[in-house]
Every structure is written in C-alpha cells, then in structure tokens.
C-alpha atoms as a PDB file:
ATOM      1  CA  MET A   1     -23.267  35.524 121.851  1.00  0.00           C
ATOM      2  CA  LYS A   2     -24.737  32.054 122.329  1.00  0.00           C
ATOM      3  CA  GLN A   3     -28.211  33.569 122.595  1.00  0.00           C
ATOM      4  CA  LEU A   4     -27.695  35.444 119.341  1.00  0.00           C
ATOM      5  CA  ILE A   5     -26.587  32.273 117.555  1.00  0.00           C
ATOM      6  CA  SER A   6     -29.497  30.288 119.019  1.00  0.00           C
ATOM      7  CA  VAL A   7     -31.897  32.916 117.645  1.00  0.00           C
ATOM      8  CA  LEU A   8     -30.206  33.283 114.250  1.00  0.00           C
ATOM      9  CA  ILE A   9     -30.015  29.553 113.462  1.00  0.00           C
ATOM     10  CA  PRO A  10     -33.805  28.972 113.552  1.00  0.00           C
ATOM     11  CA  ILE A  11     -34.344  32.157 111.503  1.00  0.00           C
ATOM     12  CA  ILE A  12     -31.845  31.007 108.888  1.00  0.00           C
ATOM     13  CA  ILE A  13     -33.489  27.580 108.757  1.00  0.00           C
ATOM     14  CA  VAL A  14     -36.928  29.134 108.261  1.00  0.00           C
ATOM     15  CA  ILE A  15     -35.612  31.420 105.509  1.00  0.00           C
ATOM     16  CA  ALA A  16     -33.928  28.463 103.804  1.00  0.00           C
ATOM     17  CA  LEU A  17     -37.154  26.451 103.917  1.00  0.00           C
ATOM     18  CA  VAL A  18     -39.183  29.336 102.524  1.00  0.00           C
ATOM     19  CA  LEU A  19     -36.668  29.893  99.717  1.00  0.00           C
ATOM     20  CA  ASN A  20     -36.646  26.187  98.983  1.00  0.00           C
ATOM     21  CA  GLN A  21     -40.430  26.241  98.549  1.00  0.00           C
ATOM     22  CA  MET A  22     -40.270  29.300  96.303  1.00  0.00           C
ATOM     23  CA  LEU A  23     -37.459  28.103  94.037  1.00  0.00           C
ATOM     24  CA  PRO A  24     -39.383  25.393  92.159  1.00  0.00           C
ATOM     25  CA  ALA A  25     -42.093  27.910  91.228  1.00  0.00           C
ATOM     26  CA  ASP A  26     -39.509  30.439  90.085  1.00  0.00           C
ATOM     27  CA  ALA A  27     -37.621  27.777  88.162  1.00  0.00           C
ATOM     28  CA  ALA A  28     -40.830  26.722  86.396  1.00  0.00           C
ATOM     29  CA  LYS A  29     -41.454  30.302  85.323  1.00  0.00           C
ATOM     30  CA  GLY A  30     -37.950  30.561  83.865  1.00  0.00           C
ATOM     31  CA  LYS A  31     -38.052  27.135  82.280  1.00  0.00           C
ATOM     32  CA  LYS A  32     -37.703  27.261  78.524  1.00  0.00           C
ATOM     33  CA  LYS A  33     -40.733  26.205  76.625  1.00  0.00           C
ATOM     34  CA  GLY A  34     -40.969  24.546  73.272  1.00  0.00           C
ATOM     35  CA  VAL A  35     -41.268  26.317  69.973  1.00  0.00           C
ATOM     36  CA  SER A  36     -44.282  28.553  69.494  1.00  0.00           C
ATOM     37  CA  GLN A  37     -46.745  27.637  66.766  1.00  0.00           C
ATOM     38  CA  GLU A  38     -45.745  30.814  64.964  1.00  0.00           C
ATOM     39  CA  LYS A  39     -42.070  29.797  64.918  1.00  0.00           C
ATOM     40  CA  LEU A  40     -42.984  26.273  63.853  1.00  0.00           C
ATOM     41  CA  ASP A  41     -45.016  27.689  60.956  1.00  0.00           C
ATOM     42  CA  GLU A  42     -42.033  29.842  59.989  1.00  0.00           C
ATOM     43  CA  TYR A  43     -39.752  26.777  59.921  1.00  0.00           C
ATOM     44  CA  THR A  44     -42.289  24.863  57.846  1.00  0.00           C
ATOM     45  CA  GLN A  45     -42.716  27.750  55.403  1.00  0.00           C
ATOM     46  CA  SER A  46     -38.951  28.080  54.946  1.00  0.00           C
ATOM     47  CA  VAL A  47     -38.394  24.397  54.289  1.00  0.00           C
ATOM     48  CA  ASP A  48     -41.410  24.242  51.967  1.00  0.00           C
ATOM     49  CA  ASN A  49     -40.033  27.140  49.909  1.00  0.00           C
ATOM     50  CA  LEU A  50     -36.673  25.402  49.606  1.00  0.00           C
ATOM     51  CA  THR A  51     -38.392  22.138  48.642  1.00  0.00           C
ATOM     52  CA  LYS A  52     -40.363  23.917  45.903  1.00  0.00           C
ATOM     53  CA  LYS A  53     -37.121  25.296  44.480  1.00  0.00           C
ATOM     54  CA  ILE A  54     -35.708  21.790  44.272  1.00  0.00           C
ATOM     55  CA  TYR A  55     -38.780  20.358  42.549  1.00  0.00           C
ATOM     56  CA  ARG A  56     -39.008  23.275  40.099  1.00  0.00           C
ATOM     57  CA  HIS A  57     -35.325  22.836  39.274  1.00  0.00           C
ATOM     58  CA  GLU A  58     -34.734  26.473  40.163  1.00  0.00           C
ATOM     59  CA  LEU A  59     -31.303  27.798  40.943  1.00  0.00           C
ATOM     60  CA  TYR A  60     -30.369  26.853  44.495  1.00  0.00           C
ATOM     61  CA  THR A  61     -28.328  29.827  45.694  1.00  0.00           C
ATOM     62  CA  PRO A  62     -25.681  29.943  48.407  1.00  0.00           C
ATOM     63  CA  GLU A  63     -28.205  31.929  50.442  1.00  0.00           C
ATOM     64  CA  ASP A  64     -30.627  29.012  50.138  1.00  0.00           C
ATOM     65  CA  ALA A  65     -27.937  26.646  51.406  1.00  0.00           C
ATOM     66  CA  ASP A  66     -27.211  29.001  54.299  1.00  0.00           C
ATOM     67  CA  SER A  67     -30.914  29.218  55.063  1.00  0.00           C
ATOM     68  CA  LEU A  68     -31.223  25.429  55.137  1.00  0.00           C
ATOM     69  CA  ILE A  69     -28.234  25.059  57.429  1.00  0.00           C
ATOM     70  CA  ALA A  70     -29.515  27.809  59.736  1.00  0.00           C
ATOM     71  CA  LEU A  71     -32.921  26.136  59.896  1.00  0.00           C
ATOM     72  CA  LYS A  72     -31.350  22.770  60.719  1.00  0.00           C
ATOM     73  CA  LEU A  73     -29.230  24.344  63.460  1.00  0.00           C
ATOM     74  CA  GLN A  74     -32.276  26.060  64.970  1.00  0.00           C
ATOM     75  CA  LEU A  75     -34.159  22.769  65.034  1.00  0.00           C
ATOM     76  CA  ASP A  76     -31.207  20.994  66.606  1.00  0.00           C
ATOM     77  CA  GLU A  77     -31.080  23.695  69.283  1.00  0.00           C
ATOM     78  CA  GLN A  78     -34.785  23.286  69.992  1.00  0.00           C
ATOM     79  CA  MET A  79     -34.316  19.508  70.212  1.00  0.00           C
ATOM     80  CA  ASP A  80     -31.855  20.095  73.051  1.00  0.00           C
ATOM     81  CA  ILE A  81     -34.464  22.156  74.895  1.00  0.00           C
ATOM     82  CA  LEU A  82     -37.608  20.147  74.224  1.00  0.00           C
ATOM     83  CA  PRO A  83     -38.062  17.569  71.450  1.00  0.00           C
ATOM     84  CA  GLU A  84     -41.500  17.921  69.892  1.00  0.00           C
ATOM     85  CA  ALA A  85     -43.196  15.538  67.482  1.00  0.00           C
ATOM     86  CA  ASN A  86     -44.004  18.591  65.330  1.00  0.00           C
ATOM     87  CA  PHE A  87     -40.324  18.639  64.340  1.00  0.00           C
ATOM     88  CA  ALA A  88     -40.575  15.270  62.553  1.00  0.00           C
ATOM     89  CA  PRO A  89     -42.051  16.571  59.269  1.00  0.00           C
ATOM     90  CA  ILE A  90     -39.568  19.431  59.171  1.00  0.00           C
ATOM     91  CA  TYR A  91     -36.601  17.118  59.764  1.00  0.00           C
ATOM     92  CA  PHE A  92     -38.013  14.777  57.114  1.00  0.00           C
ATOM     93  CA  LYS A  93     -38.306  17.568  54.539  1.00  0.00           C
ATOM     94  CA  ILE A  94     -34.828  18.850  55.342  1.00  0.00           C
ATOM     95  CA  GLY A  95     -33.524  15.304  54.939  1.00  0.00           C
ATOM     96  CA  ASN A  96     -35.245  15.068  51.562  1.00  0.00           C
ATOM     97  CA  ILE A  97     -33.674  18.329  50.413  1.00  0.00           C
ATOM     98  CA  PHE A  98     -30.231  17.148  51.470  1.00  0.00           C
ATOM     99  CA  ARG A  99     -30.789  13.792  49.747  1.00  0.00           C
ATOM    100  CA  LEU A 100     -32.018  15.381  46.515  1.00  0.00           C
ATOM    101  CA  ARG A 101     -29.005  17.683  46.490  1.00  0.00           C
ATOM    102  CA  GLY A 102     -26.647  14.717  46.928  1.00  0.00           C
ATOM    103  CA  GLU A 103     -25.685  15.607  50.495  1.00  0.00           C
ATOM    104  CA  GLU A 104     -26.233  12.101  51.830  1.00  0.00           C
ATOM    105  CA  LYS A 105     -24.429  12.483  55.167  1.00  0.00           C
ATOM    106  CA  ASP A 106     -26.651  15.379  56.184  1.00  0.00           C
ATOM    107  CA  ALA A 107     -29.755  13.544  54.942  1.00  0.00           C
ATOM    108  CA  ILE A 108     -28.828  10.475  56.982  1.00  0.00           C
ATOM    109  CA  ILE A 109     -28.461  12.611  60.113  1.00  0.00           C
ATOM    110  CA  CYS A 110     -31.968  14.042  59.618  1.00  0.00           C
ATOM    111  CA  TYR A 111     -33.563  10.632  59.066  1.00  0.00           C
ATOM    112  CA  GLN A 112     -31.709   9.127  62.023  1.00  0.00           C
ATOM    113  CA  THR A 113     -32.885  12.013  64.213  1.00  0.00           C
ATOM    114  CA  ILE A 114     -36.438  11.070  63.306  1.00  0.00           C
ATOM    115  CA  LEU A 115     -35.847   7.393  64.099  1.00  0.00           C
ATOM    116  CA  GLU A 116     -34.218   8.166  67.427  1.00  0.00           C
ATOM    117  CA  ASN A 117     -36.741  10.767  68.592  1.00  0.00           C
ATOM    118  CA  PHE A 118     -39.949  10.402  66.591  1.00  0.00           C
ATOM    119  CA  SER A 119     -40.083   6.774  65.484  1.00  0.00           C
ATOM    120  CA  GLN A 120     -43.725   6.511  66.570  1.00  0.00           C
ATOM    121  CA  THR A 121     -44.813   9.212  64.117  1.00  0.00           C
ATOM    122  CA  ALA A 122     -45.718   8.549  60.484  1.00  0.00           C
ATOM    123  CA  TYR A 123     -42.236   9.765  59.552  1.00  0.00           C
ATOM    124  CA  GLY A 124     -40.485   6.971  61.474  1.00  0.00           C
ATOM    125  CA  PRO A 125     -41.225   4.166  58.977  1.00  0.00           C
ATOM    126  CA  LYS A 126     -40.644   6.521  56.030  1.00  0.00           C
ATOM    127  CA  SER A 127     -37.237   7.478  57.403  1.00  0.00           C
ATOM    128  CA  ARG A 128     -36.370   3.843  58.042  1.00  0.00           C
ATOM    129  CA  ASP A 129     -37.290   2.954  54.434  1.00  0.00           C
ATOM    130  CA  ILE A 130     -35.227   5.779  52.972  1.00  0.00           C
ATOM    131  CA  LEU A 131     -32.226   4.910  55.138  1.00  0.00           C
ATOM    132  CA  THR A 132     -32.529   1.289  54.028  1.00  0.00           C
ATOM    133  CA  GLU A 133     -32.654   2.406  50.374  1.00  0.00           C
ATOM    134  CA  MET A 134     -29.554   4.504  51.007  1.00  0.00           C
ATOM    135  CA  GLY A 135     -27.769   1.417  52.332  1.00  0.00           C
ATOM    136  CA  VAL A 136     -27.618   2.593  55.940  1.00  0.00           C
ATOM    137  CA  GLU A 137     -27.654  -0.231  58.449  1.00  0.00           C
ATOM    138  CA  ILE A 138     -30.471   0.663  60.837  1.00  0.00           C
ATOM    139  CA  ASN A 139     -29.758  -1.983  63.454  1.00  0.00           C
ATOM    140  CA  SER A 140     -26.243  -0.684  64.041  1.00  0.00           C
ATOM    141  CA  PHE A 141     -27.546   1.791  66.626  1.00  0.00           C
ATOM    142  CA  ASP A 142     -29.668  -0.884  68.316  1.00  0.00           C
ATOM    143  CA  ALA A 143     -26.803  -3.369  68.204  1.00  0.00           C
ATOM    144  CA  ALA A 144     -24.408  -0.867  69.769  1.00  0.00           C
ATOM    145  CA  LEU A 145     -26.944  -0.166  72.484  1.00  0.00           C
ATOM    146  CA  ASN A 146     -27.451  -3.882  73.139  1.00  0.00           C
ATOM    147  CA  ASN A 147     -23.693  -4.523  73.224  1.00  0.00           C
ATOM    148  CA  SER A 148     -23.299  -1.682  75.686  1.00  0.00           C
ATOM    149  CA  ASN A 149     -26.013  -3.169  77.907  1.00  0.00           C
ATOM    150  CA  GLU A 150     -24.469  -6.650  77.662  1.00  0.00           C
ATOM    151  CA  ASN A 151     -21.033  -5.295  78.573  1.00  0.00           C
ATOM    152  CA  SER A 152     -22.417  -3.495  81.628  1.00  0.00           C
ATOM    153  CA  ASP A 153     -24.203  -6.715  82.674  1.00  0.00           C
ATOM    154  CA  LYS A 154     -20.931  -8.641  82.321  1.00  0.00           C
ATOM    155  CA  LYS A 155     -19.117  -6.036  84.411  1.00  0.00           C
ATOM    156  CA  GLU A 156     -21.745  -6.372  87.145  1.00  0.00           C
ATOM    157  CA  GLU A 157     -21.423 -10.174  87.047  1.00  0.00           C
ATOM    158  CA  THR A 158     -17.637  -9.855  87.333  1.00  0.00           C
ATOM    159  CA  LYS A 159     -18.006  -7.546  90.328  1.00  0.00           C
ATOM    160  CA  GLU A 160     -20.364 -10.015  91.985  1.00  0.00           C
ATOM    161  CA  ASN A 161     -17.943 -12.898  91.388  1.00  0.00           C
ATOM    162  CA  ILE A 162     -15.078 -10.940  92.958  1.00  0.00           C
END
C-alpha cells in the first residue's frame, strides 16, 4: 500500500503541474474579447439614427426610447468586460440625446462615464464642459476619492500609534 501511494503521489504532482501549465492557455482562449468592429459600427449607426431624429424634430417613438436604453445597457455590459476608448463617442452621443430629451440624470451618467474611463480622449473635456454647464460639481468624485485616501491614511497612523 505504501508503495502504491509513493508511486501515485509523484504522478498526481506531475499531472497537477501539467494542468497548471495548460490552464492559462485555455483561459486565454476563453477570455472574452472586446466588441468587434462590426458591433461597434452597429452601435454607432443606431445612435446616429436616433440623433438625426432628434435634430429633425421627428417623432421619438417608445421603440426609439427602448432602442436607446438597450444600446446603453449593451455598452455598459461591454464596459464591464473591457472598456474601450471607441465607446467614448457613443456614450457622448447617447448623453447628448438624453440631454436634448430632458433626461438629465441619464445624460449625467453618460458624461461621467466618459470622465471616469475616457478622460484622455477628445470627449473628456467636452463632457466636463457639459457637466459644468448642467451645474454638476465635477470635483465631488475627486474629493470623495481624496477623502477616502485621507481617512485610510489616518487609520494607518492610528494603528501605528497603538
């Protein structure tokens, strides 16, 4: 019995090592990728069509509202997988549609998403300007972050003093 165990343990270790080496490659294959260019073009086309309706003062149907919400949800889902700078113009256009329709809360969310994730793109300063015009305090997020950091520093100092 001891001989069997002494033979099985090295075999199990070797199998575990081999599987460990194979897993990262398999995980990379299954890893979700960003949005395809085709899907990105579809998003852009949809939001452009909705924007044209707004500017032409055409009837904005409930289906259009549903389409806009569905598009926003799809983008949000993709942001959870892999944020891409290509999303910035789409978020910006969606924010503009919401703003022009008087849905300020939703517009603010779109512009803040740009500031938080794509501030280095051309849409970052534009979003900041629009939020400022809307009366949104931009530094509130930064201030909350700084206060959080200061509080954690104070906690560490307290621990060191104890």
